Amino acid sequence: MFRSRGVVVLESIRKDNALYLFGDGWERFSRLSKAEVLSNNHHLDRIIHAQGWKARLAQVLREREKVPA
């Protein structure tokens, strides 16, 4: 959970899957199947475990950093 960015990252424990980034409602969406999440676009982003995935996650988190009001 990255509160300052309004993001929760959930990751599949299965090899060759992906990270899913959620905002509000993540607890409800975490109970859905992968197909339901994807088909209904409940996620903010999906990062497939492929070369460069860590850099992509860091980039997404940087982009979502909330600027203090």
PDB file of N, CA and C in Angstrom:
ATOM      1  N   MET A   1       0.846  -1.166   0.000  1.00  0.00           N
ATOM      2  CA  MET A   1       0.000   0.000   0.000  1.00  0.00           C
ATOM      3  C   MET A   1       0.893   1.232   0.000  1.00  0.00           C
ATOM      4  N   PHE A   2       0.645   2.108  -0.945  1.00  0.00           N
ATOM      5  CA  PHE A   2       1.368   3.362  -1.071  1.00  0.00           C
ATOM      6  C   PHE A   2       0.359   4.485  -0.849  1.00  0.00           C
ATOM      7  N   ARG A   3       0.109   4.797   0.414  1.00  0.00           N
ATOM      8  CA  ARG A   3      -0.937   5.777   0.760  1.00  0.00           C
ATOM      9  C   ARG A   3      -0.710   7.132   0.112  1.00  0.00           C
ATOM     10  N   SER A   4       0.532   7.591   0.085  1.00  0.00           N
ATOM     11  CA  SER A   4       0.811   8.919  -0.467  1.00  0.00           C
ATOM     12  C   SER A   4       0.530   8.998  -1.962  1.00  0.00           C
ATOM     13  N   ARG A   5       0.395   7.844  -2.594  1.00  0.00           N
ATOM     14  CA  ARG A   5       0.127   7.807  -4.032  1.00  0.00           C
ATOM     15  C   ARG A   5      -1.281   7.311  -4.340  1.00  0.00           C
ATOM     16  N   GLY A   6      -2.007   6.906  -3.307  1.00  0.00           N
ATOM     17  CA  GLY A   6      -3.366   6.406  -3.509  1.00  0.00           C
ATOM     18  C   GLY A   6      -3.406   5.098  -4.266  1.00  0.00           C
ATOM     19  N   VAL A   7      -2.395   4.251  -4.036  1.00  0.00           N
ATOM     20  CA  VAL A   7      -2.260   3.013  -4.797  1.00  0.00           C
ATOM     21  C   VAL A   7      -2.026   1.826  -3.866  1.00  0.00           C
ATOM     22  N   VAL A   8      -2.675   0.731  -4.196  1.00  0.00           N
ATOM     23  CA  VAL A   8      -2.404  -0.558  -3.564  1.00  0.00           C
ATOM     24  C   VAL A   8      -1.938  -1.491  -4.673  1.00  0.00           C
ATOM     25  N   VAL A   9      -0.828  -2.189  -4.437  1.00  0.00           N
ATOM     26  CA  VAL A   9      -0.273  -3.112  -5.418  1.00  0.00           C
ATOM     27  C   VAL A   9      -0.559  -4.527  -4.950  1.00  0.00           C
ATOM     28  N   LEU A  10      -1.208  -5.299  -5.807  1.00  0.00           N
ATOM     29  CA  LEU A  10      -1.452  -6.711  -5.537  1.00  0.00           C
ATOM     30  C   LEU A  10      -0.700  -7.518  -6.581  1.00  0.00           C
ATOM     31  N   GLU A  11      -0.139  -8.622  -6.122  1.00  0.00           N
ATOM     32  CA  GLU A  11       0.693  -9.424  -7.007  1.00  0.00           C
ATOM     33  C   GLU A  11       0.281 -10.884  -6.924  1.00  0.00           C
ATOM     34  N   SER A  12       0.231 -11.517  -8.053  1.00  0.00           N
ATOM     35  CA  SER A  12      -0.044 -12.943  -8.096  1.00  0.00           C
ATOM     36  C   SER A  12       1.193 -13.703  -7.647  1.00  0.00           C
ATOM     37  N   ILE A  13       0.986 -14.778  -6.893  1.00  0.00           N
ATOM     38  CA  ILE A  13       2.122 -15.588  -6.467  1.00  0.00           C
ATOM     39  C   ILE A  13       2.544 -16.581  -7.541  1.00  0.00           C
ATOM     40  N   ARG A  14       1.767 -16.667  -8.595  1.00  0.00           N
ATOM     41  CA  ARG A  14       2.092 -17.598  -9.676  1.00  0.00           C
ATOM     42  C   ARG A  14       3.122 -17.002 -10.628  1.00  0.00           C
ATOM     43  N   LYS A  15       4.045 -17.834 -11.043  1.00  0.00           N
ATOM     44  CA  LYS A  15       5.096 -17.410 -11.968  1.00  0.00           C
ATOM     45  C   LYS A  15       4.494 -16.929 -13.290  1.00  0.00           C
ATOM     46  N   ASP A  16       5.133 -15.925 -13.887  1.00  0.00           N
ATOM     47  CA  ASP A  16       4.742 -15.364 -15.190  1.00  0.00           C
ATOM     48  C   ASP A  16       3.407 -14.639 -15.164  1.00  0.00           C
ATOM     49  N   ASN A  17       3.033 -14.082 -14.014  1.00  0.00           N
ATOM     50  CA  ASN A  17       1.813 -13.304 -13.935  1.00  0.00           C
ATOM     51  C   ASN A  17       2.144 -11.825 -13.881  1.00  0.00           C
ATOM     52  N   ALA A  18       1.362 -11.053 -13.158  1.00  0.00           N
ATOM     53  CA  ALA A  18       1.520  -9.610 -13.190  1.00  0.00           C
ATOM     54  C   ALA A  18       1.229  -8.979 -11.840  1.00  0.00           C
ATOM     55  N   LEU A  19       1.584  -7.707 -11.750  1.00  0.00           N
ATOM     56  CA  LEU A  19       1.193  -6.847 -10.634  1.00  0.00           C
ATOM     57  C   LEU A  19      -0.040  -6.091 -11.078  1.00  0.00           C
ATOM     58  N   TYR A  20      -0.950  -5.856 -10.157  1.00  0.00           N
ATOM     59  CA  TYR A  20      -2.126  -5.046 -10.443  1.00  0.00           C
ATOM     60  C   TYR A  20      -2.146  -3.894  -9.466  1.00  0.00           C
ATOM     61  N   LEU A  21      -2.345  -2.704  -9.972  1.00  0.00           N
ATOM     62  CA  LEU A  21      -2.417  -1.521  -9.144  1.00  0.00           C
ATOM     63  C   LEU A  21      -3.868  -1.087  -9.055  1.00  0.00           C
ATOM     64  N   PHE A  22      -4.306  -0.860  -7.830  1.00  0.00           N
ATOM     65  CA  PHE A  22      -5.683  -0.459  -7.573  1.00  0.00           C
ATOM     66  C   PHE A  22      -5.709   0.826  -6.763  1.00  0.00           C
ATOM     67  N   GLY A  23      -6.797   1.534  -6.858  1.00  0.00           N
ATOM     68  CA  GLY A  23      -7.047   2.709  -6.032  1.00  0.00           C
ATOM     69  C   GLY A  23      -8.126   2.354  -5.032  1.00  0.00           C
ATOM     70  N   ASP A  24      -9.061   3.273  -4.841  1.00  0.00           N
ATOM     71  CA  ASP A  24     -10.180   3.024  -3.938  1.00  0.00           C
ATOM     72  C   ASP A  24     -10.947   1.785  -4.384  1.00  0.00           C
ATOM     73  N   GLY A  25     -11.441   1.045  -3.427  1.00  0.00           N
ATOM     74  CA  GLY A  25     -12.196  -0.158  -3.745  1.00  0.00           C
ATOM     75  C   GLY A  25     -11.342  -1.388  -3.920  1.00  0.00           C
ATOM     76  N   TRP A  26     -10.042  -1.284  -3.647  1.00  0.00           N
ATOM     77  CA  TRP A  26      -9.127  -2.397  -3.879  1.00  0.00           C
ATOM     78  C   TRP A  26      -9.538  -3.647  -3.115  1.00  0.00           C
ATOM     79  N   GLU A  27     -10.091  -3.488  -1.921  1.00  0.00           N
ATOM     80  CA  GLU A  27     -10.453  -4.672  -1.135  1.00  0.00           C
ATOM     81  C   GLU A  27     -11.534  -5.481  -1.849  1.00  0.00           C
ATOM     82  N   ARG A  28     -12.511  -4.794  -2.398  1.00  0.00           N
ATOM     83  CA  ARG A  28     -13.582  -5.475  -3.140  1.00  0.00           C
ATOM     84  C   ARG A  28     -13.028  -6.110  -4.415  1.00  0.00           C
ATOM     85  N   PHE A  29     -12.196  -5.363  -5.135  1.00  0.00           N
ATOM     86  CA  PHE A  29     -11.657  -5.864  -6.397  1.00  0.00           C
ATOM     87  C   PHE A  29     -10.702  -7.037  -6.189  1.00  0.00           C
ATOM     88  N   SER A  30     -10.042  -7.077  -5.028  1.00  0.00           N
ATOM     89  CA  SER A  30      -9.085  -8.159  -4.767  1.00  0.00           C
ATOM     90  C   SER A  30      -9.774  -9.513  -4.640  1.00  0.00           C
ATOM     91  N   ARG A  31     -11.060  -9.516  -4.445  1.00  0.00           N
ATOM     92  CA  ARG A  31     -11.815 -10.766  -4.318  1.00  0.00           C
ATOM     93  C   ARG A  31     -12.314 -11.284  -5.667  1.00  0.00           C
ATOM     94  N   LEU A  32     -12.144 -10.492  -6.701  1.00  0.00           N
ATOM     95  CA  LEU A  32     -12.613 -10.873  -8.034  1.00  0.00           C
ATOM     96  C   LEU A  32     -11.564 -11.720  -8.737  1.00  0.00           C
ATOM     97  N   SER A  33     -11.996 -12.404  -9.775  1.00  0.00           N
ATOM     98  CA  SER A  33     -11.047 -13.157 -10.588  1.00  0.00           C
ATOM     99  C   SER A  33     -10.246 -12.186 -11.465  1.00  0.00           C
ATOM    100  N   LYS A  34      -9.136 -12.672 -11.967  1.00  0.00           N
ATOM    101  CA  LYS A  34      -8.324 -11.858 -12.875  1.00  0.00           C
ATOM    102  C   LYS A  34      -9.149 -11.446 -14.092  1.00  0.00           C
ATOM    103  N   ALA A  35      -9.937 -12.355 -14.618  1.00  0.00           N
ATOM    104  CA  ALA A  35     -10.783 -12.050 -15.783  1.00  0.00           C
ATOM    105  C   ALA A  35     -11.782 -10.939 -15.472  1.00  0.00           C
ATOM    106  N   GLU A  36     -12.371 -10.978 -14.283  1.00  0.00           N
ATOM    107  CA  GLU A  36     -13.333  -9.933 -13.905  1.00  0.00           C
ATOM    108  C   GLU A  36     -12.657  -8.573 -13.754  1.00  0.00           C
ATOM    109  N   VAL A  37     -11.488  -8.573 -13.147  1.00  0.00           N
ATOM    110  CA  VAL A  37     -10.743  -7.319 -12.980  1.00  0.00           C
ATOM    111  C   VAL A  37     -10.411  -6.726 -14.341  1.00  0.00           C
ATOM    112  N   LEU A  38      -9.881  -7.557 -15.230  1.00  0.00           N
ATOM    113  CA  LEU A  38      -9.469  -7.069 -16.544  1.00  0.00           C
ATOM    114  C   LEU A  38     -10.649  -6.655 -17.417  1.00  0.00           C
ATOM    115  N   SER A  39     -11.678  -7.470 -17.461  1.00  0.00           N
ATOM    116  CA  SER A  39     -12.798  -7.178 -18.361  1.00  0.00           C
ATOM    117  C   SER A  39     -13.597  -5.958 -17.926  1.00  0.00           C
ATOM    118  N   ASN A  40     -13.576  -5.660 -16.634  1.00  0.00           N
ATOM    119  CA  ASN A  40     -14.316  -4.498 -16.130  1.00  0.00           C
ATOM    120  C   ASN A  40     -13.416  -3.309 -15.827  1.00  0.00           C
ATOM    121  N   ASN A  41     -12.142  -3.454 -16.161  1.00  0.00           N
ATOM    122  CA  ASN A  41     -11.175  -2.365 -16.014  1.00  0.00           C
ATOM    123  C   ASN A  41     -11.168  -1.773 -14.600  1.00  0.00           C
ATOM    124  N   HIS A  42     -11.173  -2.650 -13.582  1.00  0.00           N
ATOM    125  CA  HIS A  42     -11.173  -2.212 -12.198  1.00  0.00           C
ATOM    126  C   HIS A  42      -9.799  -1.749 -11.723  1.00  0.00           C
ATOM    127  N   HIS A  43      -8.754  -2.078 -12.442  1.00  0.00           N
ATOM    128  CA  HIS A  43      -7.392  -1.760 -12.041  1.00  0.00           C
ATOM    129  C   HIS A  43      -6.927  -0.442 -12.640  1.00  0.00           C
ATOM    130  N   LEU A  44      -5.970   0.189 -11.961  1.00  0.00           N
ATOM    131  CA  LEU A  44      -5.363   1.416 -12.481  1.00  0.00           C
ATOM    132  C   LEU A  44      -4.298   1.088 -13.514  1.00  0.00           C
ATOM    133  N   ASP A  45      -3.588  -0.008 -13.263  1.00  0.00           N
ATOM    134  CA  ASP A  45      -2.524  -0.420 -14.175  1.00  0.00           C
ATOM    135  C   ASP A  45      -2.244  -1.899 -13.956  1.00  0.00           C
ATOM    136  N   ARG A  46      -1.665  -2.505 -14.958  1.00  0.00           N
ATOM    137  CA  ARG A  46      -1.256  -3.910 -14.906  1.00  0.00           C
ATOM    138  C   ARG A  46       0.167  -3.967 -15.435  1.00  0.00           C
ATOM    139  N   ILE A  47       1.044  -4.547 -14.638  1.00  0.00           N
ATOM    140  CA  ILE A  47       2.445  -4.633 -15.023  1.00  0.00           C
ATOM    141  C   ILE A  47       2.828  -6.106 -15.063  1.00  0.00           C
ATOM    142  N   ILE A  48       3.040  -6.594 -16.265  1.00  0.00           N
ATOM    143  CA  ILE A  48       3.379  -7.996 -16.466  1.00  0.00           C
ATOM    144  C   ILE A  48       4.819  -8.243 -16.031  1.00  0.00           C
ATOM    145  N   HIS A  49       5.039  -9.374 -15.376  1.00  0.00           N
ATOM    146  CA  HIS A  49       6.388  -9.740 -14.941  1.00  0.00           C
ATOM    147  C   HIS A  49       7.231 -10.103 -16.163  1.00  0.00           C
ATOM    148  N   ALA A  50       7.813  -9.105 -16.742  1.00  0.00           N
ATOM    149  CA  ALA A  50       8.708  -9.257 -17.887  1.00  0.00           C
ATOM    150  C   ALA A  50       9.896  -8.337 -17.636  1.00  0.00           C
ATOM    151  N   GLN A  51      10.868  -8.412 -18.488  1.00  0.00           N
ATOM    152  CA  GLN A  51      12.050  -7.567 -18.326  1.00  0.00           C
ATOM    153  C   GLN A  51      11.624  -6.111 -18.165  1.00  0.00           C
ATOM    154  N   GLY A  52      12.153  -5.460 -17.145  1.00  0.00           N
ATOM    155  CA  GLY A  52      11.858  -4.051 -16.912  1.00  0.00           C
ATOM    156  C   GLY A  52      10.644  -3.783 -16.035  1.00  0.00           C
ATOM    157  N   TRP A  53      10.025  -4.824 -15.478  1.00  0.00           N
ATOM    158  CA  TRP A  53       8.809  -4.606 -14.695  1.00  0.00           C
ATOM    159  C   TRP A  53       9.055  -3.770 -13.444  1.00  0.00           C
ATOM    160  N   LYS A  54      10.212  -3.928 -12.818  1.00  0.00           N
ATOM    161  CA  LYS A  54      10.502  -3.140 -11.616  1.00  0.00           C
ATOM    162  C   LYS A  54      10.623  -1.656 -11.958  1.00  0.00           C
ATOM    163  N   ALA A  55      11.268  -1.352 -13.063  1.00  0.00           N
ATOM    164  CA  ALA A  55      11.400   0.038 -13.496  1.00  0.00           C
ATOM    165  C   ALA A  55      10.035   0.618 -13.858  1.00  0.00           C
ATOM    166  N   ARG A  56       9.200  -0.180 -14.497  1.00  0.00           N
ATOM    167  CA  ARG A  56       7.843   0.274 -14.851  1.00  0.00           C
ATOM    168  C   ARG A  56       7.036   0.574 -13.588  1.00  0.00           C
ATOM    169  N   LEU A  57       7.133  -0.278 -12.579  1.00  0.00           N
ATOM    170  CA  LEU A  57       6.428  -0.035 -11.324  1.00  0.00           C
ATOM    171  C   LEU A  57       6.925   1.258 -10.683  1.00  0.00           C
ATOM    172  N   ALA A  58       8.222   1.443 -10.633  1.00  0.00           N
ATOM    173  CA  ALA A  58       8.786   2.670 -10.059  1.00  0.00           C
ATOM    174  C   ALA A  58       8.294   3.902 -10.814  1.00  0.00           C
ATOM    175  N   GLN A  59       8.216   3.807 -12.137  1.00  0.00           N
ATOM    176  CA  GLN A  59       7.742   4.922 -12.951  1.00  0.00           C
ATOM    177  C   GLN A  59       6.280   5.247 -12.631  1.00  0.00           C
ATOM    178  N   VAL A  60       5.447   4.227 -12.570  1.00  0.00           N
ATOM    179  CA  VAL A  60       4.025   4.445 -12.275  1.00  0.00           C
ATOM    180  C   VAL A  60       3.856   5.076 -10.901  1.00  0.00           C
ATOM    181  N   LEU A  61       4.604   4.607  -9.923  1.00  0.00           N
ATOM    182  CA  LEU A  61       4.508   5.168  -8.578  1.00  0.00           C
ATOM    183  C   LEU A  61       4.981   6.623  -8.537  1.00  0.00           C
ATOM    184  N   ARG A  62       6.046   6.930  -9.264  1.00  0.00           N
ATOM    185  CA  ARG A  62       6.508   8.326  -9.345  1.00  0.00           C
ATOM    186  C   ARG A  62       5.435   9.217  -9.960  1.00  0.00           C
ATOM    187  N   GLU A  63       4.813   8.739 -11.031  1.00  0.00           N
ATOM    188  CA  GLU A  63       3.794   9.519 -11.725  1.00  0.00           C
ATOM    189  C   GLU A  63       2.566   9.776 -10.844  1.00  0.00           C
ATOM    190  N   ARG A  64       2.295   8.867  -9.923  1.00  0.00           N
ATOM    191  CA  ARG A  64       1.112   8.983  -9.071  1.00  0.00           C
ATOM    192  C   ARG A  64       1.380   9.697  -7.756  1.00  0.00           C
ATOM    193  N   GLU A  65       2.615  10.158  -7.548  1.00  0.00           N
ATOM    194  CA  GLU A  65       2.931  10.837  -6.301  1.00  0.00           C
ATOM    195  C   GLU A  65       2.047  12.072  -6.155  1.00  0.00           C
ATOM    196  N   LYS A  66       1.396  12.159  -5.024  1.00  0.00           N
ATOM    197  CA  LYS A  66       0.491  13.284  -4.772  1.00  0.00           C
ATOM    198  C   LYS A  66       1.293  14.490  -4.362  1.00  0.00           C
ATOM    199  N   VAL A  67       0.959  15.619  -4.962  1.00  0.00           N
ATOM    200  CA  VAL A  67       1.618  16.867  -4.635  1.00  0.00           C
ATOM    201  C   VAL A  67       0.849  17.503  -3.476  1.00  0.00           C
ATOM    202  N   PRO A  68       1.538  17.886  -2.395  1.00  0.00           N
ATOM    203  CA  PRO A  68       0.831  18.496  -1.253  1.00  0.00           C
ATOM    204  C   PRO A  68       0.086  19.764  -1.659  1.00  0.00           C
ATOM    205  N   ALA A  69      -1.099  19.958  -1.107  1.00  0.00           N
ATOM    206  CA  ALA A  69      -1.926  21.136  -1.437  1.00  0.00           C
ATOM    207  C   ALA A  69      -1.490  22.346  -0.652  1.00  0.00           C
TER     208      ALA A  69
END
